[in-house]
Amino acid sequence: MASEDPTSTLTKEQRILRMCRRVLTDIAKDTVTPPGMKHPLSETTIQGIRDCLQLIASREAEILIEQGRPSTSKPHFIDEPQKNVVVELTPKKPKNHQSEE
């Protein structure tokens, strides 16, 4: 029995963003040049790739927030302060002050 493809639970927009990110990072990896050699892509194109990747990451984060799912892309330390603080709002029960007379 084959396991379900994890990308099948993604929305169409999420699949598009993931594929765009993958293609842009593959382009960056395939065009890496040794230090001192001229890069085959122009500085404008390189900056455009960076800008596109930043937009993709921003939109992916927005989608996760809209879906109410926390982002798992950034690791958190156990002792790292949480952004959300839980405050208990249940009132204290009044103490019985019965004096013995």
PDB file of N, CA and C in Angstrom:
ATOM      1  N   MET A   1       0.841  -1.165   0.000  1.00  0.00           N
ATOM      2  CA  MET A   1       0.000   0.000   0.000  1.00  0.00           C
ATOM      3  C   MET A   1       0.893   1.237   0.000  1.00  0.00           C
ATOM      4  N   ALA A   2       0.716   2.119  -0.974  1.00  0.00           N
ATOM      5  CA  ALA A   2       1.561   3.300  -1.119  1.00  0.00           C
ATOM      6  C   ALA A   2       1.121   4.381  -0.140  1.00  0.00           C
ATOM      7  N   SER A   3       2.116   5.092   0.420  1.00  0.00           N
ATOM      8  CA  SER A   3       1.775   6.171   1.335  1.00  0.00           C
ATOM      9  C   SER A   3       1.347   7.399   0.541  1.00  0.00           C
ATOM     10  N   GLU A   4       0.528   8.219   1.174  1.00  0.00           N
ATOM     11  CA  GLU A   4      -0.005   9.406   0.511  1.00  0.00           C
ATOM     12  C   GLU A   4       1.100  10.436   0.307  1.00  0.00           C
ATOM     13  N   ASP A   5       1.086  11.101  -0.846  1.00  0.00           N
ATOM     14  CA  ASP A   5       2.062  12.127  -1.186  1.00  0.00           C
ATOM     15  C   ASP A   5       1.842  13.330  -0.270  1.00  0.00           C
ATOM     16  N   PRO A   6       2.889  13.804   0.458  1.00  0.00           N
ATOM     17  CA  PRO A   6       2.705  14.923   1.377  1.00  0.00           C
ATOM     18  C   PRO A   6       2.299  16.214   0.682  1.00  0.00           C
ATOM     19  N   THR A   7       2.613  16.362  -0.610  1.00  0.00           N
ATOM     20  CA  THR A   7       2.237  17.579  -1.322  1.00  0.00           C
ATOM     21  C   THR A   7       0.767  17.590  -1.700  1.00  0.00           C
ATOM     22  N   SER A   8       0.070  16.457  -1.561  1.00  0.00           N
ATOM     23  CA  SER A   8      -1.338  16.403  -1.937  1.00  0.00           C
ATOM     24  C   SER A   8      -2.215  17.194  -0.963  1.00  0.00           C
ATOM     25  N   THR A   9      -1.716  17.469   0.241  1.00  0.00           N
ATOM     26  CA  THR A   9      -2.488  18.243   1.205  1.00  0.00           C
ATOM     27  C   THR A   9      -2.273  19.748   1.040  1.00  0.00           C
ATOM     28  N   LEU A  10      -1.355  20.129   0.172  1.00  0.00           N
ATOM     29  CA  LEU A  10      -1.081  21.549  -0.052  1.00  0.00           C
ATOM     30  C   LEU A  10      -2.101  22.146  -1.015  1.00  0.00           C
ATOM     31  N   THR A  11      -2.340  23.445  -0.863  1.00  0.00           N
ATOM     32  CA  THR A  11      -3.225  24.128  -1.799  1.00  0.00           C
ATOM     33  C   THR A  11      -2.483  24.318  -3.123  1.00  0.00           C
ATOM     34  N   LYS A  12      -3.220  24.668  -4.144  1.00  0.00           N
ATOM     35  CA  LYS A  12      -2.609  24.903  -5.453  1.00  0.00           C
ATOM     36  C   LYS A  12      -1.575  26.022  -5.347  1.00  0.00           C
ATOM     37  N   GLU A  13      -1.906  27.091  -4.608  1.00  0.00           N
ATOM     38  CA  GLU A  13      -0.967  28.198  -4.440  1.00  0.00           C
ATOM     39  C   GLU A  13       0.302  27.743  -3.735  1.00  0.00           C
ATOM     40  N   GLN A  14       0.177  26.903  -2.714  1.00  0.00           N
ATOM     41  CA  GLN A  14       1.353  26.405  -2.005  1.00  0.00           C
ATOM     42  C   GLN A  14       2.229  25.549  -2.915  1.00  0.00           C
ATOM     43  N   ARG A  15       1.611  24.730  -3.760  1.00  0.00           N
ATOM     44  CA  ARG A  15       2.385  23.913  -4.703  1.00  0.00           C
ATOM     45  C   ARG A  15       3.117  24.799  -5.713  1.00  0.00           C
ATOM     46  N   ILE A  16       2.458  25.862  -6.177  1.00  0.00           N
ATOM     47  CA  ILE A  16       3.095  26.790  -7.124  1.00  0.00           C
ATOM     48  C   ILE A  16       4.281  27.474  -6.457  1.00  0.00           C
ATOM     49  N   LEU A  17       4.084  27.964  -5.232  1.00  0.00           N
ATOM     50  CA  LEU A  17       5.168  28.641  -4.520  1.00  0.00           C
ATOM     51  C   LEU A  17       6.340  27.706  -4.279  1.00  0.00           C
ATOM     52  N   ARG A  18       6.050  26.469  -3.886  1.00  0.00           N
ATOM     53  CA  ARG A  18       7.109  25.487  -3.630  1.00  0.00           C
ATOM     54  C   ARG A  18       7.911  25.199  -4.904  1.00  0.00           C
ATOM     55  N   MET A  19       7.208  25.050  -6.031  1.00  0.00           N
ATOM     56  CA  MET A  19       7.896  24.773  -7.295  1.00  0.00           C
ATOM     57  C   MET A  19       8.733  25.973  -7.734  1.00  0.00           C
ATOM     58  N   CYS A  20       8.203  27.181  -7.595  1.00  0.00           N
ATOM     59  CA  CYS A  20       8.968  28.384  -7.954  1.00  0.00           C
ATOM     60  C   CYS A  20      10.230  28.487  -7.106  1.00  0.00           C
ATOM     61  N   ARG A  21      10.092  28.243  -5.802  1.00  0.00           N
ATOM     62  CA  ARG A  21      11.251  28.292  -4.907  1.00  0.00           C
ATOM     63  C   ARG A  21      12.285  27.254  -5.324  1.00  0.00           C
ATOM     64  N   ARG A  22      11.824  26.048  -5.637  1.00  0.00           N
ATOM     65  CA  ARG A  22      12.731  24.971  -6.027  1.00  0.00           C
ATOM     66  C   ARG A  22      13.486  25.324  -7.316  1.00  0.00           C
ATOM     67  N   VAL A  23      12.772  25.852  -8.309  1.00  0.00           N
ATOM     68  CA  VAL A  23      13.410  26.202  -9.586  1.00  0.00           C
ATOM     69  C   VAL A  23      14.420  27.332  -9.400  1.00  0.00           C
ATOM     70  N   LEU A  24      14.044  28.362  -8.631  1.00  0.00           N
ATOM     71  CA  LEU A  24      14.966  29.478  -8.411  1.00  0.00           C
ATOM     72  C   LEU A  24      16.219  29.047  -7.653  1.00  0.00           C
ATOM     73  N   THR A  25      16.064  28.195  -6.651  1.00  0.00           N
ATOM     74  CA  THR A  25      17.249  27.734  -5.918  1.00  0.00           C
ATOM     75  C   THR A  25      18.098  26.792  -6.779  1.00  0.00           C
ATOM     76  N   ASP A  26      17.464  26.008  -7.644  1.00  0.00           N
ATOM     77  CA  ASP A  26      18.233  25.158  -8.571  1.00  0.00           C
ATOM     78  C   ASP A  26      19.038  26.014  -9.544  1.00  0.00           C
ATOM     79  N   ILE A  27      18.451  27.103 -10.034  1.00  0.00           N
ATOM     80  CA  ILE A  27      19.175  28.019 -10.922  1.00  0.00           C
ATOM     81  C   ILE A  27      20.390  28.579 -10.194  1.00  0.00           C
ATOM     82  N   ALA A  28      20.183  28.995  -8.948  1.00  0.00           N
ATOM     83  CA  ALA A  28      21.295  29.540  -8.165  1.00  0.00           C
ATOM     84  C   ALA A  28      22.395  28.493  -7.982  1.00  0.00           C
ATOM     85  N   LYS A  29      22.014  27.259  -7.666  1.00  0.00           N
ATOM     86  CA  LYS A  29      23.005  26.193  -7.465  1.00  0.00           C
ATOM     87  C   LYS A  29      23.738  25.853  -8.768  1.00  0.00           C
ATOM     88  N   ASP A  30      22.997  25.813  -9.877  1.00  0.00           N
ATOM     89  CA  ASP A  30      23.595  25.427 -11.157  1.00  0.00           C
ATOM     90  C   ASP A  30      24.516  26.489 -11.741  1.00  0.00           C
ATOM     91  N   THR A  31      24.400  27.729 -11.273  1.00  0.00           N
ATOM     92  CA  THR A  31      25.213  28.801 -11.846  1.00  0.00           C
ATOM     93  C   THR A  31      26.289  29.301 -10.889  1.00  0.00           C
ATOM     94  N   VAL A  32      26.542  28.575  -9.810  1.00  0.00           N
ATOM     95  CA  VAL A  32      27.596  28.968  -8.871  1.00  0.00           C
ATOM     96  C   VAL A  32      28.936  28.923  -9.590  1.00  0.00           C
ATOM     97  N   THR A  33      29.732  29.971  -9.368  1.00  0.00           N
ATOM     98  CA  THR A  33      31.059  30.020  -9.991  1.00  0.00           C
ATOM     99  C   THR A  33      32.128  30.060  -8.903  1.00  0.00           C
ATOM    100  N   PRO A  34      33.322  29.571  -9.206  1.00  0.00           N
ATOM    101  CA  PRO A  34      34.414  29.634  -8.230  1.00  0.00           C
ATOM    102  C   PRO A  34      34.771  31.093  -7.927  1.00  0.00           C
ATOM    103  N   PRO A  35      35.322  31.357  -6.731  1.00  0.00           N
ATOM    104  CA  PRO A  35      35.718  32.725  -6.389  1.00  0.00           C
ATOM    105  C   PRO A  35      36.660  33.310  -7.449  1.00  0.00           C
ATOM    106  N   GLY A  36      36.428  34.566  -7.795  1.00  0.00           N
ATOM    107  CA  GLY A  36      37.274  35.248  -8.770  1.00  0.00           C
ATOM    108  C   GLY A  36      36.760  35.175 -10.198  1.00  0.00           C
ATOM    109  N   MET A  37      35.850  34.262 -10.487  1.00  0.00           N
ATOM    110  CA  MET A  37      35.308  34.161 -11.849  1.00  0.00           C
ATOM    111  C   MET A  37      34.038  34.995 -11.968  1.00  0.00           C
ATOM    112  N   LYS A  38      33.793  35.511 -13.178  1.00  0.00           N
ATOM    113  CA  LYS A  38      32.600  36.310 -13.416  1.00  0.00           C
ATOM    114  C   LYS A  38      31.373  35.406 -13.435  1.00  0.00           C
ATOM    115  N   HIS A  39      30.344  35.819 -12.727  1.00  0.00           N
ATOM    116  CA  HIS A  39      29.101  35.045 -12.659  1.00  0.00           C
ATOM    117  C   HIS A  39      28.354  35.183 -13.979  1.00  0.00           C
ATOM    118  N   PRO A  40      27.770  34.086 -14.494  1.00  0.00           N
ATOM    119  CA  PRO A  40      27.071  34.159 -15.782  1.00  0.00           C
ATOM    120  C   PRO A  40      25.780  34.982 -15.718  1.00  0.00           C
ATOM    121  N   LEU A  41      25.208  35.159 -14.540  1.00  0.00           N
ATOM    122  CA  LEU A  41      24.002  35.959 -14.408  1.00  0.00           C
ATOM    123  C   LEU A  41      24.376  37.392 -14.024  1.00  0.00           C
ATOM    124  N   SER A  42      23.599  38.351 -14.512  1.00  0.00           N
ATOM    125  CA  SER A  42      23.865  39.748 -14.164  1.00  0.00           C
ATOM    126  C   SER A  42      23.487  39.993 -12.711  1.00  0.00           C
ATOM    127  N   GLU A  43      24.037  41.049 -12.140  1.00  0.00           N
ATOM    128  CA  GLU A  43      23.722  41.402 -10.750  1.00  0.00           C
ATOM    129  C   GLU A  43      22.229  41.707 -10.605  1.00  0.00           C
ATOM    130  N   THR A  44      21.622  42.286 -11.640  1.00  0.00           N
ATOM    131  CA  THR A  44      20.184  42.570 -11.618  1.00  0.00           C
ATOM    132  C   THR A  44      19.378  41.278 -11.548  1.00  0.00           C
ATOM    133  N   THR A  45      19.792  40.272 -12.316  1.00  0.00           N
ATOM    134  CA  THR A  45      19.100  38.979 -12.303  1.00  0.00           C
ATOM    135  C   THR A  45      19.269  38.287 -10.956  1.00  0.00           C
ATOM    136  N   ILE A  46      20.469  38.333 -10.413  1.00  0.00           N
ATOM    137  CA  ILE A  46      20.732  37.722  -9.107  1.00  0.00           C
ATOM    138  C   ILE A  46      19.865  38.385  -8.040  1.00  0.00           C
ATOM    139  N   GLN A  47      19.790  39.718  -8.062  1.00  0.00           N
ATOM    140  CA  GLN A  47      18.957  40.427  -7.083  1.00  0.00           C
ATOM    141  C   GLN A  47      17.484  40.097  -7.302  1.00  0.00           C
ATOM    142  N   GLY A  48      17.072  39.935  -8.556  1.00  0.00           N
ATOM    143  CA  GLY A  48      15.693  39.548  -8.854  1.00  0.00           C
ATOM    144  C   GLY A  48      15.356  38.180  -8.281  1.00  0.00           C
ATOM    145  N   ILE A  49      16.283  37.248  -8.363  1.00  0.00           N
ATOM    146  CA  ILE A  49      16.083  35.913  -7.788  1.00  0.00           C
ATOM    147  C   ILE A  49      15.942  36.021  -6.268  1.00  0.00           C
ATOM    148  N   ARG A  50      16.809  36.819  -5.649  1.00  0.00           N
ATOM    149  CA  ARG A  50      16.722  37.014  -4.196  1.00  0.00           C
ATOM    150  C   ARG A  50      15.370  37.614  -3.807  1.00  0.00           C
ATOM    151  N   ASP A  51      14.947  38.634  -4.560  1.00  0.00           N
ATOM    152  CA  ASP A  51      13.665  39.284  -4.263  1.00  0.00           C
ATOM    153  C   ASP A  51      12.502  38.306  -4.416  1.00  0.00           C
ATOM    154  N   CYS A  52      12.537  37.491  -5.466  1.00  0.00           N
ATOM    155  CA  CYS A  52      11.478  36.495  -5.677  1.00  0.00           C
ATOM    156  C   CYS A  52      11.439  35.475  -4.537  1.00  0.00           C
ATOM    157  N   LEU A  53      12.600  35.002  -4.115  1.00  0.00           N
ATOM    158  CA  LEU A  53      12.652  34.044  -3.013  1.00  0.00           C
ATOM    159  C   LEU A  53      12.121  34.656  -1.720  1.00  0.00           C
ATOM    160  N   GLN A  54      12.411  35.943  -1.498  1.00  0.00           N
ATOM    161  CA  GLN A  54      11.898  36.616  -0.303  1.00  0.00           C
ATOM    162  C   GLN A  54      10.378  36.746  -0.363  1.00  0.00           C
ATOM    163  N   LEU A  55       9.837  37.097  -1.529  1.00  0.00           N
ATOM    164  CA  LEU A  55       8.388  37.186  -1.695  1.00  0.00           C
ATOM    165  C   LEU A  55       7.719  35.832  -1.482  1.00  0.00           C
ATOM    166  N   ILE A  56       8.332  34.790  -2.015  1.00  0.00           N
ATOM    167  CA  ILE A  56       7.791  33.437  -1.849  1.00  0.00           C
ATOM    168  C   ILE A  56       7.766  33.054  -0.371  1.00  0.00           C
ATOM    169  N   ALA A  57       8.864  33.310   0.340  1.00  0.00           N
ATOM    170  CA  ALA A  57       8.934  32.976   1.763  1.00  0.00           C
ATOM    171  C   ALA A  57       7.897  33.769   2.559  1.00  0.00           C
ATOM    172  N   SER A  58       7.719  35.031   2.216  1.00  0.00           N
ATOM    173  CA  SER A  58       6.731  35.863   2.913  1.00  0.00           C
ATOM    174  C   SER A  58       5.316  35.338   2.703  1.00  0.00           C
ATOM    175  N   ARG A  59       4.995  34.985   1.454  1.00  0.00           N
ATOM    176  CA  ARG A  59       3.651  34.492   1.160  1.00  0.00           C
ATOM    177  C   ARG A  59       3.412  33.139   1.825  1.00  0.00           C
ATOM    178  N   GLU A  60       4.425  32.271   1.835  1.00  0.00           N
ATOM    179  CA  GLU A  60       4.273  30.975   2.507  1.00  0.00           C
ATOM    180  C   GLU A  60       3.996  31.173   3.990  1.00  0.00           C
ATOM    181  N   ALA A  61       4.672  32.143   4.617  1.00  0.00           N
ATOM    182  CA  ALA A  61       4.437  32.422   6.035  1.00  0.00           C
ATOM    183  C   ALA A  61       3.016  32.950   6.249  1.00  0.00           C
ATOM    184  N   GLU A  62       2.550  33.820   5.349  1.00  0.00           N
ATOM    185  CA  GLU A  62       1.183  34.344   5.453  1.00  0.00           C
ATOM    186  C   GLU A  62       0.152  33.225   5.359  1.00  0.00           C
ATOM    187  N   ILE A  63       0.374  32.313   4.441  1.00  0.00           N
ATOM    188  CA  ILE A  63      -0.557  31.194   4.262  1.00  0.00           C
ATOM    189  C   ILE A  63      -0.622  30.351   5.533  1.00  0.00           C
ATOM    190  N   LEU A  64       0.532  30.079   6.138  1.00  0.00           N
ATOM    191  CA  LEU A  64       0.549  29.296   7.375  1.00  0.00           C
ATOM    192  C   LEU A  64      -0.215  30.015   8.478  1.00  0.00           C
ATOM    193  N   ILE A  65      -0.053  31.325   8.576  1.00  0.00           N
ATOM    194  CA  ILE A  65      -0.780  32.097   9.586  1.00  0.00           C
ATOM    195  C   ILE A  65      -2.277  32.048   9.316  1.00  0.00           C
ATOM    196  N   GLU A  66      -2.668  32.208   8.045  1.00  0.00           N
ATOM    197  CA  GLU A  66      -4.083  32.146   7.674  1.00  0.00           C
ATOM    198  C   GLU A  66      -4.696  30.790   8.017  1.00  0.00           C
ATOM    199  N   GLN A  67      -3.902  29.737   7.891  1.00  0.00           N
ATOM    200  CA  GLN A  67      -4.382  28.386   8.178  1.00  0.00           C
ATOM    201  C   GLN A  67      -4.301  28.050   9.666  1.00  0.00           C
ATOM    202  N   GLY A  68      -3.726  28.963  10.446  1.00  0.00           N
ATOM    203  CA  GLY A  68      -3.604  28.726  11.878  1.00  0.00           C
ATOM    204  C   GLY A  68      -2.567  27.684  12.235  1.00  0.00           C
ATOM    205  N   ARG A  69      -1.608  27.476  11.337  1.00  0.00           N
ATOM    206  CA  ARG A  69      -0.547  26.498  11.599  1.00  0.00           C
ATOM    207  C   ARG A  69       0.749  27.242  11.876  1.00  0.00           C
ATOM    208  N   PRO A  70       1.448  26.871  12.926  1.00  0.00           N
ATOM    209  CA  PRO A  70       2.722  27.534  13.206  1.00  0.00           C
ATOM    210  C   PRO A  70       3.768  27.143  12.168  1.00  0.00           C
ATOM    211  N   SER A  71       4.636  28.068  11.878  1.00  0.00           N
ATOM    212  CA  SER A  71       5.717  27.789  10.942  1.00  0.00           C
ATOM    213  C   SER A  71       6.736  26.885  11.607  1.00  0.00           C
ATOM    214  N   THR A  72       7.150  25.853  10.921  1.00  0.00           N
ATOM    215  CA  THR A  72       8.159  24.938  11.456  1.00  0.00           C
ATOM    216  C   THR A  72       9.504  25.151  10.779  1.00  0.00           C
ATOM    217  N   SER A  73       9.607  26.212   9.979  1.00  0.00           N
ATOM    218  CA  SER A  73      10.843  26.418   9.236  1.00  0.00           C
ATOM    219  C   SER A  73      11.969  26.967  10.111  1.00  0.00           C
ATOM    220  N   LYS A  74      11.639  27.631  11.211  1.00  0.00           N
ATOM    221  CA  LYS A  74      12.666  28.172  12.088  1.00  0.00           C
ATOM    222  C   LYS A  74      12.664  27.380  13.385  1.00  0.00           C
ATOM    223  N   PRO A  75      13.798  26.789  13.747  1.00  0.00           N
ATOM    224  CA  PRO A  75      13.842  26.030  14.998  1.00  0.00           C
ATOM    225  C   PRO A  75      13.778  26.960  16.202  1.00  0.00           C
ATOM    226  N   HIS A  76      13.211  26.464  17.278  1.00  0.00           N
ATOM    227  CA  HIS A  76      13.112  27.233  18.514  1.00  0.00           C
ATOM    228  C   HIS A  76      13.739  26.426  19.638  1.00  0.00           C
ATOM    229  N   PHE A  77      14.462  27.101  20.519  1.00  0.00           N
ATOM    230  CA  PHE A  77      15.037  26.446  21.677  1.00  0.00           C
ATOM    231  C   PHE A  77      13.954  26.265  22.734  1.00  0.00           C
ATOM    232  N   ILE A  78      14.091  25.233  23.531  1.00  0.00           N
ATOM    233  CA  ILE A  78      13.110  24.942  24.567  1.00  0.00           C
ATOM    234  C   ILE A  78      12.992  26.101  25.554  1.00  0.00           C
ATOM    235  N   ASP A  79      14.141  26.718  25.912  1.00  0.00           N
ATOM    236  CA  ASP A  79      14.118  27.800  26.898  1.00  0.00           C
ATOM    237  C   ASP A  79      13.932  29.180  26.264  1.00  0.00           C
ATOM    238  N   GLU A  80      13.679  29.231  24.974  1.00  0.00           N
ATOM    239  CA  GLU A  80      13.468  30.512  24.284  1.00  0.00           C
ATOM    240  C   GLU A  80      12.129  31.111  24.721  1.00  0.00           C
ATOM    241  N   PRO A  81      12.120  32.412  25.039  1.00  0.00           N
ATOM    242  CA  PRO A  81      10.855  33.030  25.460  1.00  0.00           C
ATOM    243  C   PRO A  81       9.798  32.919  24.369  1.00  0.00           C
ATOM    244  N   GLN A  82       8.581  32.633  24.780  1.00  0.00           N
ATOM    245  CA  GLN A  82       7.465  32.501  23.848  1.00  0.00           C
ATOM    246  C   GLN A  82       6.901  33.879  23.550  1.00  0.00           C
ATOM    247  N   LYS A  83       6.389  34.061  22.335  1.00  0.00           N
ATOM    248  CA  LYS A  83       5.758  35.329  21.982  1.00  0.00           C
ATOM    249  C   LYS A  83       4.394  35.444  22.647  1.00  0.00           C
ATOM    250  N   ASN A  84       3.718  34.336  22.810  1.00  0.00           N
ATOM    251  CA  ASN A  84       2.394  34.335  23.417  1.00  0.00           C
ATOM    252  C   ASN A  84       2.520  34.064  24.904  1.00  0.00           C
ATOM    253  N   VAL A  85       1.812  34.848  25.691  1.00  0.00           N
ATOM    254  CA  VAL A  85       1.806  34.657  27.129  1.00  0.00           C
ATOM    255  C   VAL A  85       0.391  34.283  27.533  1.00  0.00           C
ATOM    256  N   VAL A  86       0.257  33.198  28.260  1.00  0.00           N
ATOM    257  CA  VAL A  86      -1.047  32.741  28.723  1.00  0.00           C
ATOM    258  C   VAL A  86      -1.290  33.330  30.103  1.00  0.00           C
ATOM    259  N   VAL A  87      -2.411  34.040  30.227  1.00  0.00           N
ATOM    260  CA  VAL A  87      -2.781  34.640  31.498  1.00  0.00           C
ATOM    261  C   VAL A  87      -4.073  33.986  31.960  1.00  0.00           C
ATOM    262  N   GLU A  88      -4.051  33.421  33.144  1.00  0.00           N
ATOM    263  CA  GLU A  88      -5.237  32.770  33.679  1.00  0.00           C
ATOM    264  C   GLU A  88      -6.186  33.828  34.219  1.00  0.00           C
ATOM    265  N   LEU A  89      -7.431  33.787  33.763  1.00  0.00           N
ATOM    266  CA  LEU A  89      -8.407  34.798  34.137  1.00  0.00           C
ATOM    267  C   LEU A  89      -9.495  34.286  35.074  1.00  0.00           C
ATOM    268  N   THR A  90      -9.314  33.145  35.668  1.00  0.00           N
ATOM    269  CA  THR A  90     -10.326  32.627  36.589  1.00  0.00           C
ATOM    270  C   THR A  90     -10.192  33.361  37.916  1.00  0.00           C
ATOM    271  N   PRO A  91     -11.303  33.874  38.442  1.00  0.00           N
ATOM    272  CA  PRO A  91     -11.223  34.626  39.701  1.00  0.00           C
ATOM    273  C   PRO A  91     -10.937  33.694  40.878  1.00  0.00           C
ATOM    274  N   LYS A  92     -10.268  34.242  41.830  1.00  0.00           N
ATOM    275  CA  LYS A  92      -9.990  33.459  43.044  1.00  0.00           C
ATOM    276  C   LYS A  92     -11.264  33.353  43.854  1.00  0.00           C
ATOM    277  N   LYS A  93     -11.431  32.230  44.503  1.00  0.00           N
ATOM    278  CA  LYS A  93     -12.596  32.034  45.357  1.00  0.00           C
ATOM    279  C   LYS A  93     -12.394  32.840  46.628  1.00  0.00           C
ATOM    280  N   PRO A  94     -13.442  33.541  47.063  1.00  0.00           N
ATOM    281  CA  PRO A  94     -13.287  34.312  48.304  1.00  0.00           C
ATOM    282  C   PRO A  94     -13.119  33.375  49.497  1.00  0.00           C
ATOM    283  N   LYS A  95     -12.274  33.783  50.397  1.00  0.00           N
ATOM    284  CA  LYS A  95     -12.033  32.988  51.604  1.00  0.00           C
ATOM    285  C   LYS A  95     -13.174  33.226  52.589  1.00  0.00           C
ATOM    286  N   ASN A  96     -13.555  32.186  53.273  1.00  0.00           N
ATOM    287  CA  ASN A  96     -14.594  32.307  54.298  1.00  0.00           C
ATOM    288  C   ASN A  96     -13.958  32.850  55.578  1.00  0.00           C
ATOM    289  N   HIS A  97     -14.379  34.040  55.966  1.00  0.00           N
ATOM    290  CA  HIS A  97     -13.850  34.645  57.188  1.00  0.00           C
ATOM    291  C   HIS A  97     -14.910  34.534  58.275  1.00  0.00           C
ATOM    292  N   GLN A  98     -15.062  33.380  58.810  1.00  0.00           N
ATOM    293  CA  GLN A  98     -16.035  33.180  59.878  1.00  0.00           C
ATOM    294  C   GLN A  98     -15.269  33.219  61.199  1.00  0.00           C
ATOM    295  N   SER A  99     -15.653  34.156  61.993  1.00  0.00           N
ATOM    296  CA  SER A  99     -14.976  34.245  63.303  1.00  0.00           C
ATOM    297  C   SER A  99     -15.769  33.469  64.330  1.00  0.00           C
ATOM    298  N   GLU A 100     -15.055  32.885  65.247  1.00  0.00           N
ATOM    299  CA  GLU A 100     -15.709  32.122  66.303  1.00  0.00           C
ATOM    300  C   GLU A 100     -15.955  33.047  67.484  1.00  0.00           C
ATOM    301  N   GLU A 101     -17.177  33.265  67.800  1.00  0.00           N
ATOM    302  CA  GLU A 101     -17.518  34.132  68.931  1.00  0.00           C
ATOM    303  C   GLU A 101     -18.215  33.390  69.998  1.00  0.00           C
TER     304      GLU A 101
END
